[in-house]
Amino acid sequence: MQEKLVFGLLGVSLLFLTACGSGAANPSELLDPKVQLTMEADGRTVIRVGVCNRGAQDFVGDRYFAGQVSLFDENEHLVECATVEQLGPVASHQTVFPLELKTLLPPGNYRLAYSTSAFLTADARFTIEELGGTRYLKATPWLISPQTDYTLVEGN
């Protein structure tokens, strides 16, 4: 009985030392969610979602990386949704956008929710305005990329 206990404790100790000795963080913990919005001349809103690798090592990719993008109107009704089923390689300190949506949205306020199986989440709010028959996207400056003649920085 004591022999089994000693071997059990040795096994657990080895597992613990192996886990502690690696010192490496889970590579997905070094990923940050990114959202970019812009407006095209034809009035379509372009929504790009992805991740930035803030780690010193390349992220090799994960075929089980699942991401859900949901777009809600101001009444919290689902307008659009899409899924990112896998994430390819992401070089150190680089950003990739595996999903791009182009959609014609009526004027109003919107909320974009982006969450992944790696527990990354992002929430972005923006407005579509129509002025003189032309549609504009209005959002905070860090969400707008690229800036076009049809994007307005919130607060201006």
C-alpha atoms as a PDB file:
ATOM      1  CA  MET A   1       0.000   0.000   0.000  1.00  0.00           C
ATOM      2  CA  GLN A   2       2.785   2.426   0.947  1.00  0.00           C
ATOM      3  CA  GLU A   3       4.610   1.498  -2.237  1.00  0.00           C
ATOM      4  CA  LYS A   4       1.610   2.595  -4.351  1.00  0.00           C
ATOM      5  CA  LEU A   5       1.381   5.822  -2.382  1.00  0.00           C
ATOM      6  CA  VAL A   6       5.095   6.582  -2.941  1.00  0.00           C
ATOM      7  CA  PHE A   7       4.825   5.878  -6.684  1.00  0.00           C
ATOM      8  CA  GLY A   8       1.652   7.951  -6.882  1.00  0.00           C
ATOM      9  CA  LEU A   9       3.350  10.900  -5.151  1.00  0.00           C
ATOM     10  CA  LEU A  10       6.386  10.566  -7.415  1.00  0.00           C
ATOM     11  CA  GLY A  11       4.147  10.575 -10.482  1.00  0.00           C
ATOM     12  CA  VAL A  12       2.256  13.658  -9.352  1.00  0.00           C
ATOM     13  CA  SER A  13       5.543  15.384  -8.447  1.00  0.00           C
ATOM     14  CA  LEU A  14       6.976  14.657 -11.897  1.00  0.00           C
ATOM     15  CA  LEU A  15       3.894  16.056 -13.597  1.00  0.00           C
ATOM     16  CA  PHE A  16       4.071  19.167 -11.441  1.00  0.00           C
ATOM     17  CA  LEU A  17       7.789  19.683 -12.133  1.00  0.00           C
ATOM     18  CA  THR A  18       7.294  19.167 -15.853  1.00  0.00           C
ATOM     19  CA  ALA A  19       4.479  21.712 -15.967  1.00  0.00           C
ATOM     20  CA  CYS A  20       6.409  24.254 -13.873  1.00  0.00           C
ATOM     21  CA  GLY A  21       9.685  23.656 -15.660  1.00  0.00           C
ATOM     22  CA  SER A  22       8.327  24.546 -19.077  1.00  0.00           C
ATOM     23  CA  GLY A  23       7.656  28.141 -17.969  1.00  0.00           C
ATOM     24  CA  ALA A  24       5.978  28.796 -21.305  1.00  0.00           C
ATOM     25  CA  ALA A  25       2.612  30.460 -21.378  1.00  0.00           C
ATOM     26  CA  ASN A  26      -0.156  29.010 -23.483  1.00  0.00           C
ATOM     27  CA  PRO A  27       0.480  30.633 -26.907  1.00  0.00           C
ATOM     28  CA  SER A  28      -3.197  31.585 -27.227  1.00  0.00           C
ATOM     29  CA  GLU A  29      -2.818  33.663 -24.034  1.00  0.00           C
ATOM     30  CA  LEU A  30      -0.570  36.009 -26.026  1.00  0.00           C
ATOM     31  CA  LEU A  31      -3.269  36.765 -28.597  1.00  0.00           C
ATOM     32  CA  ASP A  32      -5.417  39.897 -28.403  1.00  0.00           C
ATOM     33  CA  PRO A  33      -8.679  40.283 -30.343  1.00  0.00           C
ATOM     34  CA  LYS A  34      -8.738  43.011 -33.003  1.00  0.00           C
ATOM     35  CA  VAL A  35     -11.658  44.655 -34.800  1.00  0.00           C
ATOM     36  CA  GLN A  36     -11.390  47.053 -37.739  1.00  0.00           C
ATOM     37  CA  LEU A  37     -14.277  48.898 -39.363  1.00  0.00           C
ATOM     38  CA  THR A  38     -14.537  50.998 -42.485  1.00  0.00           C
ATOM     39  CA  MET A  39     -17.126  52.192 -45.007  1.00  0.00           C
ATOM     40  CA  GLU A  40     -16.866  51.753 -48.762  1.00  0.00           C
ATOM     41  CA  ALA A  41     -18.119  54.229 -51.373  1.00  0.00           C
ATOM     42  CA  ASP A  42     -21.081  51.947 -52.190  1.00  0.00           C
ATOM     43  CA  GLY A  43     -22.341  52.276 -48.584  1.00  0.00           C
ATOM     44  CA  ARG A  44     -21.258  48.819 -47.446  1.00  0.00           C
ATOM     45  CA  THR A  45     -19.745  48.488 -43.996  1.00  0.00           C
ATOM     46  CA  VAL A  46     -16.583  46.393 -43.861  1.00  0.00           C
ATOM     47  CA  ILE A  47     -15.979  44.541 -40.590  1.00  0.00           C
ATOM     48  CA  ARG A  48     -12.677  42.750 -40.082  1.00  0.00           C
ATOM     49  CA  VAL A  49     -12.019  40.602 -37.013  1.00  0.00           C
ATOM     50  CA  GLY A  50      -8.798  38.936 -36.044  1.00  0.00           C
ATOM     51  CA  VAL A  51      -6.021  38.642 -33.526  1.00  0.00           C
ATOM     52  CA  CYS A  52      -2.701  40.271 -32.709  1.00  0.00           C
ATOM     53  CA  ASN A  53       0.161  38.107 -31.457  1.00  0.00           C
ATOM     54  CA  ARG A  54       1.854  40.148 -28.727  1.00  0.00           C
ATOM     55  CA  GLY A  55       4.205  37.293 -27.885  1.00  0.00           C
ATOM     56  CA  ALA A  56       7.886  36.989 -28.757  1.00  0.00           C
ATOM     57  CA  GLN A  57       7.242  33.646 -30.496  1.00  0.00           C
ATOM     58  CA  ASP A  58       5.201  32.912 -33.593  1.00  0.00           C
ATOM     59  CA  PHE A  59       1.769  31.386 -32.972  1.00  0.00           C
ATOM     60  CA  VAL A  60       1.710  28.235 -35.121  1.00  0.00           C
ATOM     61  CA  GLY A  61      -2.046  28.179 -35.589  1.00  0.00           C
ATOM     62  CA  ASP A  62      -4.853  26.166 -34.137  1.00  0.00           C
ATOM     63  CA  ARG A  63      -7.358  24.217 -36.191  1.00  0.00           C
ATOM     64  CA  TYR A  64      -9.686  24.133 -33.180  1.00  0.00           C
ATOM     65  CA  PHE A  65      -9.687  27.904 -32.686  1.00  0.00           C
ATOM     66  CA  ALA A  66     -13.368  28.837 -32.879  1.00  0.00           C
ATOM     67  CA  GLY A  67     -14.487  32.440 -33.012  1.00  0.00           C
ATOM     68  CA  GLN A  68     -18.022  33.822 -33.102  1.00  0.00           C
ATOM     69  CA  VAL A  69     -18.864  37.256 -34.479  1.00  0.00           C
ATOM     70  CA  SER A  70     -22.327  38.655 -33.802  1.00  0.00           C
ATOM     71  CA  LEU A  71     -23.643  42.011 -34.955  1.00  0.00           C
ATOM     72  CA  PHE A  72     -26.608  43.488 -33.077  1.00  0.00           C
ATOM     73  CA  ASP A  73     -28.741  46.551 -33.800  1.00  0.00           C
ATOM     74  CA  GLU A  74     -29.632  49.127 -31.143  1.00  0.00           C
ATOM     75  CA  ASN A  75     -32.517  46.908 -29.959  1.00  0.00           C
ATOM     76  CA  GLU A  76     -30.078  43.998 -29.487  1.00  0.00           C
ATOM     77  CA  HIS A  77     -31.599  42.073 -32.405  1.00  0.00           C
ATOM     78  CA  LEU A  78     -29.092  39.884 -34.235  1.00  0.00           C
ATOM     79  CA  VAL A  79     -28.357  41.383 -37.659  1.00  0.00           C
ATOM     80  CA  GLU A  80     -25.402  39.283 -38.862  1.00  0.00           C
ATOM     81  CA  CYS A  81     -23.305  36.444 -37.514  1.00  0.00           C
ATOM     82  CA  ALA A  82     -20.251  34.537 -38.696  1.00  0.00           C
ATOM     83  CA  THR A  83     -17.788  31.984 -37.398  1.00  0.00           C
ATOM     84  CA  VAL A  84     -14.009  31.693 -37.566  1.00  0.00           C
ATOM     85  CA  GLU A  85     -13.402  27.947 -37.436  1.00  0.00           C
ATOM     86  CA  GLN A  86      -9.624  27.937 -37.352  1.00  0.00           C
ATOM     87  CA  LEU A  87      -6.728  30.308 -37.011  1.00  0.00           C
ATOM     88  CA  GLY A  88      -3.596  29.907 -39.096  1.00  0.00           C
ATOM     89  CA  PRO A  89      -0.112  31.029 -38.135  1.00  0.00           C
ATOM     90  CA  VAL A  90       0.393  34.486 -36.644  1.00  0.00           C
ATOM     91  CA  ALA A  91       3.951  35.822 -36.609  1.00  0.00           C
ATOM     92  CA  SER A  92       5.278  37.478 -33.478  1.00  0.00           C
ATOM     93  CA  HIS A  93       3.947  41.044 -33.083  1.00  0.00           C
ATOM     94  CA  GLN A  94       1.748  40.688 -36.178  1.00  0.00           C
ATOM     95  CA  THR A  95      -2.013  40.939 -36.673  1.00  0.00           C
ATOM     96  CA  VAL A  96      -4.137  38.746 -38.939  1.00  0.00           C
ATOM     97  CA  PHE A  97      -7.784  39.109 -39.885  1.00  0.00           C
ATOM     98  CA  PRO A  98      -9.238  35.694 -40.777  1.00  0.00           C
ATOM     99  CA  LEU A  99     -12.764  37.065 -41.155  1.00  0.00           C
ATOM    100  CA  GLU A 100     -14.105  39.952 -43.207  1.00  0.00           C
ATOM    101  CA  LEU A 101     -17.796  40.823 -43.520  1.00  0.00           C
ATOM    102  CA  LYS A 102     -19.170  43.313 -46.019  1.00  0.00           C
ATOM    103  CA  THR A 103     -22.747  44.306 -45.363  1.00  0.00           C
ATOM    104  CA  LEU A 104     -25.188  47.064 -46.228  1.00  0.00           C
ATOM    105  CA  LEU A 105     -26.576  48.304 -42.924  1.00  0.00           C
ATOM    106  CA  PRO A 106     -29.409  50.800 -42.497  1.00  0.00           C
ATOM    107  CA  PRO A 107     -28.717  53.923 -40.409  1.00  0.00           C
ATOM    108  CA  GLY A 108     -28.615  53.184 -36.689  1.00  0.00           C
ATOM    109  CA  ASN A 109     -26.449  52.144 -33.767  1.00  0.00           C
ATOM    110  CA  TYR A 110     -24.729  48.762 -33.736  1.00  0.00           C
ATOM    111  CA  ARG A 111     -22.764  46.536 -31.381  1.00  0.00           C
ATOM    112  CA  LEU A 112     -20.295  43.943 -32.584  1.00  0.00           C
ATOM    113  CA  ALA A 113     -19.443  41.090 -30.219  1.00  0.00           C
ATOM    114  CA  TYR A 114     -16.437  38.892 -30.968  1.00  0.00           C
ATOM    115  CA  SER A 115     -15.520  35.943 -28.763  1.00  0.00           C
ATOM    116  CA  THR A 116     -13.314  32.908 -29.247  1.00  0.00           C
ATOM    117  CA  SER A 117     -12.693  29.495 -27.742  1.00  0.00           C
ATOM    118  CA  ALA A 118      -9.376  30.900 -26.452  1.00  0.00           C
ATOM    119  CA  PHE A 119     -11.425  33.257 -24.243  1.00  0.00           C
ATOM    120  CA  LEU A 120     -10.635  36.342 -26.304  1.00  0.00           C
ATOM    121  CA  THR A 121     -13.482  38.851 -26.394  1.00  0.00           C
ATOM    122  CA  ALA A 122     -14.040  42.212 -28.006  1.00  0.00           C
ATOM    123  CA  ASP A 123     -17.036  44.500 -28.035  1.00  0.00           C
ATOM    124  CA  ALA A 124     -17.226  47.358 -30.550  1.00  0.00           C
ATOM    125  CA  ARG A 125     -19.929  49.974 -30.969  1.00  0.00           C
ATOM    126  CA  PHE A 126     -20.477  52.087 -34.054  1.00  0.00           C
ATOM    127  CA  THR A 127     -23.118  54.106 -35.868  1.00  0.00           C
ATOM    128  CA  ILE A 128     -24.242  54.237 -39.478  1.00  0.00           C
ATOM    129  CA  GLU A 129     -25.457  57.718 -40.463  1.00  0.00           C
ATOM    130  CA  GLU A 130     -26.974  58.904 -43.702  1.00  0.00           C
ATOM    131  CA  LEU A 131     -26.278  62.504 -44.660  1.00  0.00           C
ATOM    132  CA  GLY A 132     -27.431  63.908 -47.987  1.00  0.00           C
ATOM    133  CA  GLY A 133     -28.056  60.420 -49.364  1.00  0.00           C
ATOM    134  CA  THR A 134     -24.567  59.169 -48.480  1.00  0.00           C
ATOM    135  CA  ARG A 135     -23.857  56.614 -45.754  1.00  0.00           C
ATOM    136  CA  TYR A 136     -21.111  57.140 -43.202  1.00  0.00           C
ATOM    137  CA  LEU A 137     -19.645  54.934 -40.518  1.00  0.00           C
ATOM    138  CA  LYS A 138     -18.999  56.692 -37.210  1.00  0.00           C
ATOM    139  CA  ALA A 139     -16.758  55.059 -34.584  1.00  0.00           C
ATOM    140  CA  THR A 140     -13.867  55.657 -32.220  1.00  0.00           C
ATOM    141  CA  PRO A 141     -10.571  56.270 -34.070  1.00  0.00           C
ATOM    142  CA  TRP A 142      -8.930  52.982 -33.007  1.00  0.00           C
ATOM    143  CA  LEU A 143     -11.722  50.984 -34.680  1.00  0.00           C
ATOM    144  CA  ILE A 144     -11.574  52.758 -38.057  1.00  0.00           C
ATOM    145  CA  SER A 145      -9.114  51.312 -40.540  1.00  0.00           C
ATOM    146  CA  PRO A 146      -8.670  52.391 -43.177  1.00  0.00           C
ATOM    147  CA  GLN A 147      -9.999  55.919 -42.861  1.00  0.00           C
ATOM    148  CA  THR A 148     -12.041  56.797 -45.960  1.00  0.00           C
ATOM    149  CA  ASP A 149     -14.193  59.701 -47.118  1.00  0.00           C
ATOM    150  CA  TYR A 150     -17.112  57.721 -45.657  1.00  0.00           C
ATOM    151  CA  THR A 151     -15.812  57.252 -42.110  1.00  0.00           C
ATOM    152  CA  LEU A 152     -16.314  59.739 -39.285  1.00  0.00           C
ATOM    153  CA  VAL A 153     -14.301  59.761 -36.097  1.00  0.00           C
ATOM    154  CA  GLU A 154     -16.563  59.779 -33.067  1.00  0.00           C
ATOM    155  CA  GLY A 155     -16.376  63.084 -31.228  1.00  0.00           C
ATOM    156  CA  ASN A 156     -15.669  65.178 -34.378  1.00  0.00           C
END
